[in-house]
C-alpha atoms as a PDB file:
ATOM      1  CA  MET A   1     -19.070 -39.216 -61.767  1.00  0.00           C
ATOM      2  CA  LYS A   2     -15.549 -40.623 -61.020  1.00  0.00           C
ATOM      3  CA  LEU A   3     -14.936 -43.618 -58.761  1.00  0.00           C
ATOM      4  CA  GLY A   4     -11.849 -43.004 -56.649  1.00  0.00           C
ATOM      5  CA  LEU A   5     -10.566 -44.103 -53.610  1.00  0.00           C
ATOM      6  CA  LEU A   6      -8.658 -42.356 -50.688  1.00  0.00           C
ATOM      7  CA  THR A   7      -5.096 -43.183 -50.631  1.00  0.00           C
ATOM      8  CA  ALA A   8      -4.499 -43.149 -46.259  1.00  0.00           C
ATOM      9  CA  PRO A   9      -4.680 -46.837 -45.851  1.00  0.00           C
ATOM     10  CA  LEU A  10      -1.911 -47.591 -48.625  1.00  0.00           C
ATOM     11  CA  GLU A  11       0.714 -45.545 -46.425  1.00  0.00           C
ATOM     12  CA  ASP A  12       3.513 -47.721 -47.052  1.00  0.00           C
ATOM     13  CA  THR A  13       2.783 -47.919 -51.436  1.00  0.00           C
ATOM     14  CA  ALA A  14       3.967 -44.797 -53.252  1.00  0.00           C
ATOM     15  CA  LEU A  15       1.556 -42.962 -54.971  1.00  0.00           C
ATOM     16  CA  THR A  16       2.640 -43.345 -58.710  1.00  0.00           C
ATOM     17  CA  ASP A  17       2.180 -47.124 -57.331  1.00  0.00           C
ATOM     18  CA  VAL A  18      -1.089 -46.557 -56.222  1.00  0.00           C
ATOM     19  CA  ALA A  19      -2.265 -44.816 -59.231  1.00  0.00           C
ATOM     20  CA  SER A  20      -0.802 -47.608 -61.677  1.00  0.00           C
ATOM     21  CA  TRP A  21      -2.992 -50.024 -59.547  1.00  0.00           C
ATOM     22  CA  ALA A  22      -6.045 -47.878 -59.366  1.00  0.00           C
ATOM     23  CA  GLY A  23      -5.865 -47.359 -63.392  1.00  0.00           C
ATOM     24  CA  LYS A  24      -5.232 -50.917 -63.865  1.00  0.00           C
ATOM     25  CA  ASN A  25      -8.436 -51.903 -61.714  1.00  0.00           C
ATOM     26  CA  GLY A  26     -11.034 -49.536 -63.077  1.00  0.00           C
ATOM     27  CA  PHE A  27     -10.690 -46.388 -60.682  1.00  0.00           C
ATOM     28  CA  SER A  28      -9.958 -42.836 -62.381  1.00  0.00           C
ATOM     29  CA  ALA A  29      -9.837 -40.970 -59.601  1.00  0.00           C
ATOM     30  CA  LEU A  30      -7.808 -40.189 -55.823  1.00  0.00           C
ATOM     31  CA  GLU A  31      -8.329 -38.093 -53.005  1.00  0.00           C
ATOM     32  CA  ILE A  32      -4.341 -37.755 -51.891  1.00  0.00           C
ATOM     33  CA  ALA A  33      -3.692 -37.823 -48.084  1.00  0.00           C
ATOM     34  CA  CYS A  34      -1.249 -35.015 -46.959  1.00  0.00           C
ATOM     35  CA  TRP A  35      -0.261 -35.287 -43.226  1.00  0.00           C
ATOM     36  CA  PRO A  36       2.604 -34.076 -42.818  1.00  0.00           C
ATOM     37  CA  ALA A  37       5.367 -35.757 -44.383  1.00  0.00           C
ATOM     38  CA  SER A  38       7.669 -35.193 -41.190  1.00  0.00           C
ATOM     39  CA  GLY A  39       5.420 -36.706 -39.032  1.00  0.00           C
ATOM     40  CA  GLY A  40       3.178 -35.765 -36.461  1.00  0.00           C
ATOM     41  CA  GLU A  41      -0.637 -36.356 -35.714  1.00  0.00           C
ATOM     42  CA  LYS A  42      -0.832 -40.416 -36.157  1.00  0.00           C
ATOM     43  CA  ARG A  43      -4.117 -42.217 -35.590  1.00  0.00           C
ATOM     44  CA  ARG A  44      -5.783 -44.764 -37.506  1.00  0.00           C
ATOM     45  CA  TYR A  45      -6.384 -43.937 -40.602  1.00  0.00           C
ATOM     46  CA  ALA A  46      -4.593 -41.084 -40.301  1.00  0.00           C
ATOM     47  CA  GLY A  47      -0.818 -39.674 -40.780  1.00  0.00           C
ATOM     48  CA  THR A  48      -0.269 -41.105 -44.699  1.00  0.00           C
ATOM     49  CA  SER A  49       1.674 -38.793 -46.643  1.00  0.00           C
ATOM     50  CA  HIS A  50       1.411 -39.218 -49.901  1.00  0.00           C
ATOM     51  CA  ILE A  51       2.589 -35.700 -51.666  1.00  0.00           C
ATOM     52  CA  ASP A  52       4.855 -33.432 -49.070  1.00  0.00           C
ATOM     53  CA  VAL A  53       3.119 -30.397 -49.296  1.00  0.00           C
ATOM     54  CA  ASP A  54       5.759 -28.350 -47.659  1.00  0.00           C
ATOM     55  CA  GLY A  55       7.366 -25.921 -50.090  1.00  0.00           C
ATOM     56  CA  LEU A  56       5.539 -27.611 -53.039  1.00  0.00           C
ATOM     57  CA  THR A  57       6.443 -25.604 -56.213  1.00  0.00           C
ATOM     58  CA  ALA A  58       4.164 -25.726 -59.148  1.00  0.00           C
ATOM     59  CA  ASP A  59       6.373 -27.732 -61.185  1.00  0.00           C
ATOM     60  CA  ALA A  60       6.880 -30.436 -59.043  1.00  0.00           C
ATOM     61  CA  GLY A  61       2.792 -30.233 -58.967  1.00  0.00           C
ATOM     62  CA  ALA A  62       2.477 -30.243 -62.155  1.00  0.00           C
ATOM     63  CA  ASP A  63       4.637 -33.556 -62.781  1.00  0.00           C
ATOM     64  CA  ILE A  64       2.472 -35.163 -60.102  1.00  0.00           C
ATOM     65  CA  VAL A  65      -0.721 -34.340 -62.064  1.00  0.00           C
ATOM     66  CA  ASP A  66       1.202 -35.673 -65.406  1.00  0.00           C
ATOM     67  CA  GLY A  67       2.226 -38.791 -63.459  1.00  0.00           C
ATOM     68  CA  LEU A  68      -1.181 -39.931 -62.213  1.00  0.00           C
ATOM     69  CA  SER A  69      -3.109 -38.831 -65.437  1.00  0.00           C
ATOM     70  CA  ALA A  70      -0.713 -41.083 -67.488  1.00  0.00           C
ATOM     71  CA  HIS A  71      -1.885 -43.751 -65.479  1.00  0.00           C
ATOM     72  CA  GLY A  72      -5.735 -42.309 -66.104  1.00  0.00           C
ATOM     73  CA  ILE A  73      -5.893 -40.878 -62.786  1.00  0.00           C
ATOM     74  CA  GLU A  74      -7.255 -37.597 -61.887  1.00  0.00           C
ATOM     75  CA  ILE A  75      -6.940 -36.066 -58.448  1.00  0.00           C
ATOM     76  CA  SER A  76     -10.433 -35.191 -56.920  1.00  0.00           C
ATOM     77  CA  GLY A  77      -9.201 -33.432 -53.650  1.00  0.00           C
ATOM     78  CA  LEU A  78      -5.979 -33.241 -50.981  1.00  0.00           C
ATOM     79  CA  GLY A  79      -6.945 -34.866 -47.905  1.00  0.00           C
ATOM     80  CA  TYR A  80      -5.535 -33.828 -44.447  1.00  0.00           C
ATOM     81  CA  TYR A  81      -8.080 -34.758 -41.867  1.00  0.00           C
ATOM     82  CA  PRO A  82      -7.025 -33.006 -38.076  1.00  0.00           C
ATOM     83  CA  ASN A  83      -8.650 -31.269 -35.267  1.00  0.00           C
ATOM     84  CA  PRO A  84      -8.161 -27.689 -36.045  1.00  0.00           C
ATOM     85  CA  LEU A  85     -10.462 -26.477 -33.354  1.00  0.00           C
ATOM     86  CA  HIS A  86      -7.805 -28.408 -30.793  1.00  0.00           C
ATOM     87  CA  ALA A  87      -7.916 -27.535 -26.872  1.00  0.00           C
ATOM     88  CA  ASP A  88      -4.308 -27.233 -27.198  1.00  0.00           C
ATOM     89  CA  ALA A  89      -3.098 -24.020 -28.896  1.00  0.00           C
ATOM     90  CA  GLY A  90       0.386 -25.257 -29.984  1.00  0.00           C
ATOM     91  CA  HIS A  91      -1.006 -28.529 -31.326  1.00  0.00           C
ATOM     92  CA  ARG A  92      -4.075 -26.254 -33.087  1.00  0.00           C
ATOM     93  CA  ASP A  93      -1.687 -23.813 -34.478  1.00  0.00           C
ATOM     94  CA  GLU A  94       0.442 -26.226 -35.813  1.00  0.00           C
ATOM     95  CA  VAL A  95      -2.419 -28.427 -37.555  1.00  0.00           C
ATOM     96  CA  ILE A  96      -3.773 -25.134 -38.801  1.00  0.00           C
ATOM     97  CA  ARG A  97      -0.143 -24.206 -40.110  1.00  0.00           C
ATOM     98  CA  HIS A  98      -0.081 -27.373 -41.971  1.00  0.00           C
ATOM     99  CA  LEU A  99      -3.551 -27.109 -43.035  1.00  0.00           C
ATOM    100  CA  LYS A 100      -2.905 -24.261 -44.688  1.00  0.00           C
ATOM    101  CA  LYS A 101       0.352 -25.808 -46.751  1.00  0.00           C
ATOM    102  CA  VAL A 102      -2.180 -28.426 -48.092  1.00  0.00           C
ATOM    103  CA  ILE A 103      -4.436 -25.361 -49.548  1.00  0.00           C
ATOM    104  CA  MET A 104      -1.520 -23.526 -51.167  1.00  0.00           C
ATOM    105  CA  ALA A 105      -0.445 -27.170 -52.690  1.00  0.00           C
ATOM    106  CA  ALA A 106      -4.072 -27.636 -54.311  1.00  0.00           C
ATOM    107  CA  GLY A 107      -3.603 -24.191 -55.310  1.00  0.00           C
ATOM    108  CA  VAL A 108      -0.671 -24.632 -57.317  1.00  0.00           C
ATOM    109  CA  MET A 109      -1.423 -27.936 -58.619  1.00  0.00           C
ATOM    110  CA  GLY A 110      -4.961 -26.474 -59.902  1.00  0.00           C
ATOM    111  CA  ILE A 111      -6.728 -28.977 -57.505  1.00  0.00           C
ATOM    112  CA  PRO A 112     -10.255 -27.188 -56.581  1.00  0.00           C
ATOM    113  CA  VAL A 113     -11.007 -29.180 -53.279  1.00  0.00           C
ATOM    114  CA  VAL A 114      -9.329 -29.742 -50.100  1.00  0.00           C
ATOM    115  CA  ASN A 115     -11.098 -31.710 -47.611  1.00  0.00           C
ATOM    116  CA  THR A 116     -10.542 -31.487 -43.522  1.00  0.00           C
ATOM    117  CA  PHE A 117     -12.780 -31.325 -40.745  1.00  0.00           C
ATOM    118  CA  ILE A 118     -13.936 -28.365 -38.414  1.00  0.00           C
ATOM    119  CA  GLY A 119     -12.728 -29.666 -35.706  1.00  0.00           C
ATOM    120  CA  GLY A 120     -13.952 -29.419 -32.151  1.00  0.00           C
ATOM    121  CA  ASP A 121     -13.155 -29.358 -28.450  1.00  0.00           C
ATOM    122  CA  ARG A 122     -14.552 -32.063 -26.965  1.00  0.00           C
ATOM    123  CA  THR A 123     -14.705 -30.634 -23.526  1.00  0.00           C
ATOM    124  CA  LEU A 124     -17.372 -27.895 -24.857  1.00  0.00           C
ATOM    125  CA  ASN A 125     -20.504 -27.909 -26.244  1.00  0.00           C
ATOM    126  CA  VAL A 126     -21.396 -27.315 -29.819  1.00  0.00           C
ATOM    127  CA  ASP A 127     -22.645 -23.925 -29.593  1.00  0.00           C
ATOM    128  CA  GLU A 128     -19.319 -23.095 -27.535  1.00  0.00           C
ATOM    129  CA  ASN A 129     -17.261 -24.478 -30.571  1.00  0.00           C
ATOM    130  CA  TRP A 130     -19.154 -22.817 -33.098  1.00  0.00           C
ATOM    131  CA  VAL A 131     -17.921 -19.910 -31.544  1.00  0.00           C
ATOM    132  CA  ARG A 132     -14.167 -21.027 -31.620  1.00  0.00           C
ATOM    133  CA  ALA A 133     -14.737 -22.276 -34.949  1.00  0.00           C
ATOM    134  CA  THR A 134     -15.881 -18.705 -36.382  1.00  0.00           C
ATOM    135  CA  GLU A 135     -12.924 -17.113 -34.711  1.00  0.00           C
ATOM    136  CA  ILE A 136     -10.192 -20.106 -36.109  1.00  0.00           C
ATOM    137  CA  LEU A 137     -11.219 -21.074 -39.035  1.00  0.00           C
ATOM    138  CA  THR A 138     -12.599 -17.793 -40.733  1.00  0.00           C
ATOM    139  CA  PRO A 139      -9.046 -16.679 -41.731  1.00  0.00           C
ATOM    140  CA  VAL A 140      -8.564 -19.998 -42.938  1.00  0.00           C
ATOM    141  CA  VAL A 141     -11.689 -19.968 -45.497  1.00  0.00           C
ATOM    142  CA  LYS A 142     -10.388 -17.041 -46.556  1.00  0.00           C
ATOM    143  CA  HIS A 143      -6.523 -18.136 -46.995  1.00  0.00           C
ATOM    144  CA  ALA A 144      -8.397 -21.452 -49.319  1.00  0.00           C
ATOM    145  CA  ARG A 145     -10.765 -18.696 -51.288  1.00  0.00           C
ATOM    146  CA  ASP A 146      -7.680 -16.626 -52.192  1.00  0.00           C
ATOM    147  CA  ALA A 147      -5.575 -19.704 -53.359  1.00  0.00           C
ATOM    148  CA  GLY A 148      -8.710 -20.495 -55.434  1.00  0.00           C
ATOM    149  CA  VAL A 149      -9.543 -23.385 -53.174  1.00  0.00           C
ATOM    150  CA  ARG A 150     -12.929 -25.038 -51.842  1.00  0.00           C
ATOM    151  CA  LEU A 151     -12.336 -26.134 -47.996  1.00  0.00           C
ATOM    152  CA  CYS A 152     -14.589 -28.793 -47.565  1.00  0.00           C
ATOM    153  CA  PHE A 153     -15.812 -30.753 -44.017  1.00  0.00           C
ATOM    154  CA  GLU A 154     -16.443 -33.817 -43.667  1.00  0.00           C
ATOM    155  CA  ASN A 155     -19.859 -34.585 -41.610  1.00  0.00           C
ATOM    156  CA  CYS A 156     -18.162 -36.670 -39.133  1.00  0.00           C
ATOM    157  CA  PRO A 157     -18.518 -36.432 -35.164  1.00  0.00           C
ATOM    158  CA  MET A 158     -15.226 -38.020 -34.281  1.00  0.00           C
ATOM    159  CA  ILE A 159     -16.258 -39.830 -31.573  1.00  0.00           C
ATOM    160  CA  PHE A 160     -15.038 -43.224 -31.413  1.00  0.00           C
ATOM    161  CA  SER A 161     -12.721 -43.716 -28.376  1.00  0.00           C
ATOM    162  CA  TYR A 162     -12.743 -42.156 -24.805  1.00  0.00           C
ATOM    163  CA  ASP A 163     -10.113 -39.597 -25.999  1.00  0.00           C
ATOM    164  CA  GLU A 164     -12.656 -37.905 -28.220  1.00  0.00           C
ATOM    165  CA  TRP A 165     -15.398 -38.561 -25.671  1.00  0.00           C
ATOM    166  CA  PRO A 166     -17.763 -36.870 -24.543  1.00  0.00           C
ATOM    167  CA  GLY A 167     -17.858 -33.819 -27.250  1.00  0.00           C
ATOM    168  CA  GLY A 168     -16.250 -35.368 -30.268  1.00  0.00           C
ATOM    169  CA  HIS A 169     -13.201 -33.880 -32.269  1.00  0.00           C
ATOM    170  CA  ASN A 170     -15.699 -32.419 -35.310  1.00  0.00           C
ATOM    171  CA  ILE A 171     -19.263 -30.341 -34.762  1.00  0.00           C
ATOM    172  CA  ALA A 172     -19.968 -30.551 -37.956  1.00  0.00           C
ATOM    173  CA  TYR A 173     -22.274 -33.365 -38.131  1.00  0.00           C
ATOM    174  CA  SER A 174     -25.893 -32.157 -37.607  1.00  0.00           C
ATOM    175  CA  PRO A 175     -28.123 -30.483 -40.135  1.00  0.00           C
ATOM    176  CA  ARG A 176     -28.299 -27.586 -37.611  1.00  0.00           C
ATOM    177  CA  ILE A 177     -24.632 -26.902 -37.345  1.00  0.00           C
ATOM    178  CA  TRP A 178     -24.444 -27.527 -41.591  1.00  0.00           C
ATOM    179  CA  ARG A 179     -26.627 -24.694 -41.883  1.00  0.00           C
ATOM    180  CA  ARG A 180     -25.084 -22.398 -39.943  1.00  0.00           C
ATOM    181  CA  ILE A 181     -21.647 -23.138 -41.712  1.00  0.00           C
ATOM    182  CA  PHE A 182     -23.291 -22.537 -45.235  1.00  0.00           C
ATOM    183  CA  GLU A 183     -24.782 -19.063 -43.675  1.00  0.00           C
ATOM    184  CA  GLU A 184     -21.146 -18.009 -42.318  1.00  0.00           C
ATOM    185  CA  TRP A 185     -19.098 -18.785 -44.986  1.00  0.00           C
ATOM    186  CA  GLY A 186     -21.280 -19.667 -48.009  1.00  0.00           C
ATOM    187  CA  GLU A 187     -20.135 -20.797 -51.448  1.00  0.00           C
ATOM    188  CA  ALA A 188     -16.417 -20.515 -49.883  1.00  0.00           C
ATOM    189  CA  VAL A 189     -16.652 -24.189 -48.286  1.00  0.00           C
ATOM    190  CA  GLY A 190     -18.388 -27.244 -49.017  1.00  0.00           C
ATOM    191  CA  MET A 191     -19.416 -30.488 -48.030  1.00  0.00           C
ATOM    192  CA  ASN A 192     -17.611 -33.665 -48.041  1.00  0.00           C
ATOM    193  CA  PHE A 193     -20.251 -35.926 -47.583  1.00  0.00           C
ATOM    194  CA  ASP A 194     -19.773 -39.565 -45.818  1.00  0.00           C
ATOM    195  CA  PRO A 195     -23.303 -41.135 -45.744  1.00  0.00           C
ATOM    196  CA  SER A 196     -21.873 -43.596 -43.356  1.00  0.00           C
ATOM    197  CA  HIS A 197     -21.882 -40.973 -40.659  1.00  0.00           C
ATOM    198  CA  LEU A 198     -25.863 -40.579 -40.745  1.00  0.00           C
ATOM    199  CA  ILE A 199     -26.401 -44.270 -39.933  1.00  0.00           C
ATOM    200  CA  TRP A 200     -25.062 -44.262 -36.485  1.00  0.00           C
ATOM    201  CA  GLN A 201     -26.799 -40.777 -36.087  1.00  0.00           C
ATOM    202  CA  PHE A 202     -29.866 -41.846 -37.464  1.00  0.00           C
ATOM    203  CA  ILE A 203     -30.478 -38.865 -39.579  1.00  0.00           C
ATOM    204  CA  ASP A 204     -32.463 -39.493 -42.524  1.00  0.00           C
ATOM    205  CA  GLN A 205     -30.380 -39.780 -45.658  1.00  0.00           C
ATOM    206  CA  THR A 206     -32.792 -38.937 -48.329  1.00  0.00           C
ATOM    207  CA  ARG A 207     -33.811 -35.993 -46.395  1.00  0.00           C
ATOM    208  CA  PHE A 208     -30.511 -34.866 -45.657  1.00  0.00           C
ATOM    209  CA  ILE A 209     -29.221 -35.291 -49.514  1.00  0.00           C
ATOM    210  CA  LYS A 210     -32.395 -33.440 -50.549  1.00  0.00           C
ATOM    211  CA  GLU A 211     -31.163 -30.612 -48.570  1.00  0.00           C
ATOM    212  CA  PHE A 212     -27.591 -30.736 -48.673  1.00  0.00           C
ATOM    213  CA  GLY A 213     -26.960 -31.927 -51.727  1.00  0.00           C
ATOM    214  CA  PRO A 214     -26.455 -29.086 -53.861  1.00  0.00           C
ATOM    215  CA  ARG A 215     -23.645 -27.976 -51.250  1.00  0.00           C
ATOM    216  CA  MET A 216     -21.835 -31.251 -51.617  1.00  0.00           C
ATOM    217  CA  ALA A 217     -18.186 -30.486 -53.665  1.00  0.00           C
ATOM    218  CA  HIS A 218     -16.826 -33.901 -52.647  1.00  0.00           C
ATOM    219  CA  VAL A 219     -18.419 -37.103 -51.668  1.00  0.00           C
ATOM    220  CA  HIS A 220     -16.896 -40.208 -49.507  1.00  0.00           C
ATOM    221  CA  ALA A 221     -18.446 -43.880 -49.998  1.00  0.00           C
ATOM    222  CA  LYS A 222     -18.397 -45.776 -46.620  1.00  0.00           C
ATOM    223  CA  ASP A 223     -20.557 -48.129 -45.019  1.00  0.00           C
ATOM    224  CA  LEU A 224     -21.302 -48.436 -41.755  1.00  0.00           C
ATOM    225  CA  MET A 225     -23.072 -51.574 -39.737  1.00  0.00           C
ATOM    226  CA  VAL A 226     -25.074 -51.560 -36.431  1.00  0.00           C
ATOM    227  CA  ASP A 227     -24.203 -54.014 -34.269  1.00  0.00           C
ATOM    228  CA  ARG A 228     -27.447 -54.554 -32.752  1.00  0.00           C
ATOM    229  CA  ASP A 229     -26.003 -56.928 -29.806  1.00  0.00           C
ATOM    230  CA  GLY A 230     -23.304 -53.822 -29.431  1.00  0.00           C
ATOM    231  CA  LEU A 231     -26.255 -51.435 -29.391  1.00  0.00           C
ATOM    232  CA  TYR A 232     -28.226 -53.549 -26.622  1.00  0.00           C
ATOM    233  CA  GLU A 233     -25.311 -53.311 -24.008  1.00  0.00           C
ATOM    234  CA  ASN A 234     -24.127 -50.476 -24.440  1.00  0.00           C
ATOM    235  CA  GLY A 235     -27.168 -48.031 -25.630  1.00  0.00           C
ATOM    236  CA  THR A 236     -27.163 -45.256 -27.592  1.00  0.00           C
ATOM    237  CA  MET A 237     -25.556 -42.995 -25.154  1.00  0.00           C
ATOM    238  CA  SER A 238     -21.803 -44.771 -25.775  1.00  0.00           C
ATOM    239  CA  ALA A 239     -22.080 -42.691 -29.208  1.00  0.00           C
ATOM    240  CA  GLY A 240     -19.595 -44.534 -31.701  1.00  0.00           C
ATOM    241  CA  MET A 241     -18.406 -47.116 -29.002  1.00  0.00           C
ATOM    242  CA  GLY A 242     -19.186 -50.683 -28.669  1.00  0.00           C
ATOM    243  CA  TRP A 243     -21.757 -50.830 -31.952  1.00  0.00           C
ATOM    244  CA  GLN A 244     -20.981 -48.679 -34.748  1.00  0.00           C
ATOM    245  CA  VAL A 245     -18.615 -50.781 -37.222  1.00  0.00           C
ATOM    246  CA  PRO A 246     -17.247 -48.828 -40.086  1.00  0.00           C
ATOM    247  CA  ARG A 247     -17.634 -51.235 -43.365  1.00  0.00           C
ATOM    248  CA  LEU A 248     -17.046 -51.574 -46.943  1.00  0.00           C
ATOM    249  CA  CYS A 249     -19.492 -50.517 -49.198  1.00  0.00           C
ATOM    250  CA  GLY A 250     -22.347 -53.106 -49.572  1.00  0.00           C
ATOM    251  CA  LEU A 251     -21.149 -54.595 -46.132  1.00  0.00           C
ATOM    252  CA  GLY A 252     -23.519 -52.300 -43.527  1.00  0.00           C
ATOM    253  CA  ASP A 253     -26.645 -50.566 -43.468  1.00  0.00           C
ATOM    254  CA  VAL A 254     -26.103 -47.696 -46.008  1.00  0.00           C
ATOM    255  CA  ASP A 255     -28.919 -47.567 -49.143  1.00  0.00           C
ATOM    256  CA  TRP A 256     -26.364 -47.240 -51.722  1.00  0.00           C
ATOM    257  CA  SER A 257     -29.438 -46.966 -54.306  1.00  0.00           C
ATOM    258  CA  GLY A 258     -31.078 -44.116 -52.563  1.00  0.00           C
ATOM    259  CA  PHE A 259     -27.451 -42.815 -51.781  1.00  0.00           C
ATOM    260  CA  PHE A 260     -26.802 -42.026 -55.480  1.00  0.00           C
ATOM    261  CA  SER A 261     -30.676 -41.428 -56.522  1.00  0.00           C
ATOM    262  CA  GLY A 262     -30.437 -38.733 -54.220  1.00  0.00           C
ATOM    263  CA  LEU A 263     -27.262 -37.249 -55.701  1.00  0.00           C
ATOM    264  CA  TYR A 264     -28.325 -37.310 -59.164  1.00  0.00           C
ATOM    265  CA  ARG A 265     -31.502 -35.910 -58.682  1.00  0.00           C
ATOM    266  CA  ALA A 266     -29.140 -32.886 -56.291  1.00  0.00           C
ATOM    267  CA  GLY A 267     -26.978 -32.661 -59.394  1.00  0.00           C
ATOM    268  CA  TYR A 268     -24.113 -33.736 -58.013  1.00  0.00           C
ATOM    269  CA  ASP A 269     -21.627 -34.882 -60.939  1.00  0.00           C
ATOM    270  CA  GLY A 270     -18.387 -35.194 -59.017  1.00  0.00           C
ATOM    271  CA  PRO A 271     -16.163 -37.995 -57.601  1.00  0.00           C
ATOM    272  CA  ILE A 272     -16.858 -40.967 -55.346  1.00  0.00           C
ATOM    273  CA  ILE A 273     -14.293 -41.764 -53.211  1.00  0.00           C
ATOM    274  CA  ILE A 274     -14.073 -44.829 -51.456  1.00  0.00           C
ATOM    275  CA  GLU A 275     -13.019 -44.298 -47.875  1.00  0.00           C
ATOM    276  CA  HIS A 276     -11.667 -47.805 -46.199  1.00  0.00           C
ATOM    277  CA  GLU A 277     -11.856 -48.235 -42.516  1.00  0.00           C
ATOM    278  CA  ASP A 278     -13.232 -51.660 -42.789  1.00  0.00           C
ATOM    279  CA  ARG A 279     -10.857 -53.991 -39.911  1.00  0.00           C
ATOM    280  CA  LEU A 280     -11.958 -56.996 -41.788  1.00  0.00           C
ATOM    281  CA  PHE A 281      -9.717 -55.944 -44.896  1.00  0.00           C
ATOM    282  CA  GLU A 282      -6.839 -54.672 -43.004  1.00  0.00           C
ATOM    283  CA  GLY A 283      -3.298 -56.224 -42.599  1.00  0.00           C
ATOM    284  CA  SER A 284      -1.394 -55.734 -45.637  1.00  0.00           C
ATOM    285  CA  ASP A 285      -2.004 -53.704 -49.039  1.00  0.00           C
ATOM    286  CA  GLU A 286      -3.118 -56.661 -50.580  1.00  0.00           C
ATOM    287  CA  LYS A 287      -6.210 -57.281 -48.414  1.00  0.00           C
ATOM    288  CA  VAL A 288      -6.545 -53.257 -48.299  1.00  0.00           C
ATOM    289  CA  LYS A 289      -6.915 -53.836 -52.364  1.00  0.00           C
ATOM    290  CA  ARG A 290      -9.162 -56.545 -52.084  1.00  0.00           C
ATOM    291  CA  GLY A 291     -11.732 -54.262 -50.017  1.00  0.00           C
ATOM    292  CA  PHE A 292     -11.516 -51.422 -52.143  1.00  0.00           C
ATOM    293  CA  LEU A 293     -12.363 -54.046 -55.369  1.00  0.00           C
ATOM    294  CA  LEU A 294     -15.376 -55.358 -53.231  1.00  0.00           C
ATOM    295  CA  ALA A 295     -16.430 -51.411 -52.782  1.00  0.00           C
ATOM    296  CA  ARG A 296     -15.580 -50.657 -56.228  1.00  0.00           C
ATOM    297  CA  ASP A 297     -17.623 -53.838 -57.785  1.00  0.00           C
ATOM    298  CA  VAL A 298     -20.927 -52.414 -55.456  1.00  0.00           C
ATOM    299  CA  LEU A 299     -20.917 -49.125 -56.599  1.00  0.00           C
ATOM    300  CA  GLN A 300     -19.527 -49.303 -60.008  1.00  0.00           C
ATOM    301  CA  PRO A 301     -23.217 -50.174 -61.352  1.00  0.00           C
ATOM    302  CA  PHE A 302     -24.427 -46.719 -60.537  1.00  0.00           C
ATOM    303  CA  ILE A 303     -21.640 -44.796 -61.970  1.00  0.00           C
ATOM    304  CA  LYS A 304     -22.313 -42.921 -64.981  1.00  0.00           C
END
């Protein structure tokens, strides 16, 4: 396994500088955030463009790979997490166009994984969204397969605010849907696994890794703390609002020993990428880096 980080919270730092800092501080991989360089969707932890994928050539891609390698850093995957099933057709088409550009960039750079969301229309139920997913994303999955890239979906429900209520912006969160995903697209797709999303859904981590561990092609390391007072006040029907708190590894309720035990038993030997969404370590790049280092120290003893 290799320990790395997702570059999204370091949006004002050049990629080479991120790689230099990461290499000097015990990291050996980066998942590179690839939102459109021209702007577009902007939300918390989204919008960072550390590689402009629009028209990226093989030579330019090789320069990026070589530049990071000089710092002892490999690229675990390219990350772009929009909503490909958005209700607005214009927005949806824009998202899918860029997603295909990210896939092509990964192909020319020799990066085997692109991480994204399946998405969802929050006004529809899961089964209705699933029908749309098979229609809208099957051509994207084929596009990735033709480019030699594995499209990996994250297991996050994306219900954190009222503009995502009641159905969320991503349906790929439960075992029932993940079985459909692999039945539909097989080995052409993989899971980008984040254990924090199991905590607030009360899904058993050990059982989940045992069932889906062999299909995990990329793994995020993010913790989550259940605010018991917030849960008491708002109840579980408030979904992610008012009681689930993203934390850095070791500061929440994820069982990290069980997490690594399960991954090793499942045969996972890929990257472990720290995802930083902890508000207590925000406000400056230095605070963000302190957070990454804290998570590094929690996870490093498990990495072999």
